[in-house]
């Protein structure tokens, strides 16, 4: 598994946010379509039913502010303990059959905070995935070719996002 922008990529699926475990909410993108999972949000749409994908409520801060927020969160966790779920955000799936459906997803990054460039490129990639310009298979193929124990660096993640969005 690897995190790139807003996406948690496994060999079988691209998750918007963290890969959901148990009854946790999430949105899974596969070669067959878009699936919302978790309590009260289990739905599926084939790609030809999906007109758009977007996100809302994602925490976005500059790299310096993100680092400061993560440091404060770490100190608070040490002082009062952890156990809370990661921050959630909203994924909007615009469909031909059900109109616009909103689903929750949990952030995969520490503190749930993304940099502006990660966020903007991730939103562009969601648009390209929905309109078929970038097939989900491109992301899955990249994951299958990567070693399991190596996480891409920040620059590598941005390079991948730029490649997948045609911004490279």
Foldseek 3Di string as FASTA:
>chain_A
DEDFQQWDADLAWIWRADDDDDQAWTWTQGLQFIFTGHPPGGDTDGLVFFQFKAWPPQAEDAPVVVVVVLVVVVVVCVVPNDDDFADKIWMWTAGNPPGIDITIHHHHDRNRYHYPLSRVLVRLLRGCCSVVVQDRVVRSVVNVPDDPVDYDDNVVSSVVSCVRNVND
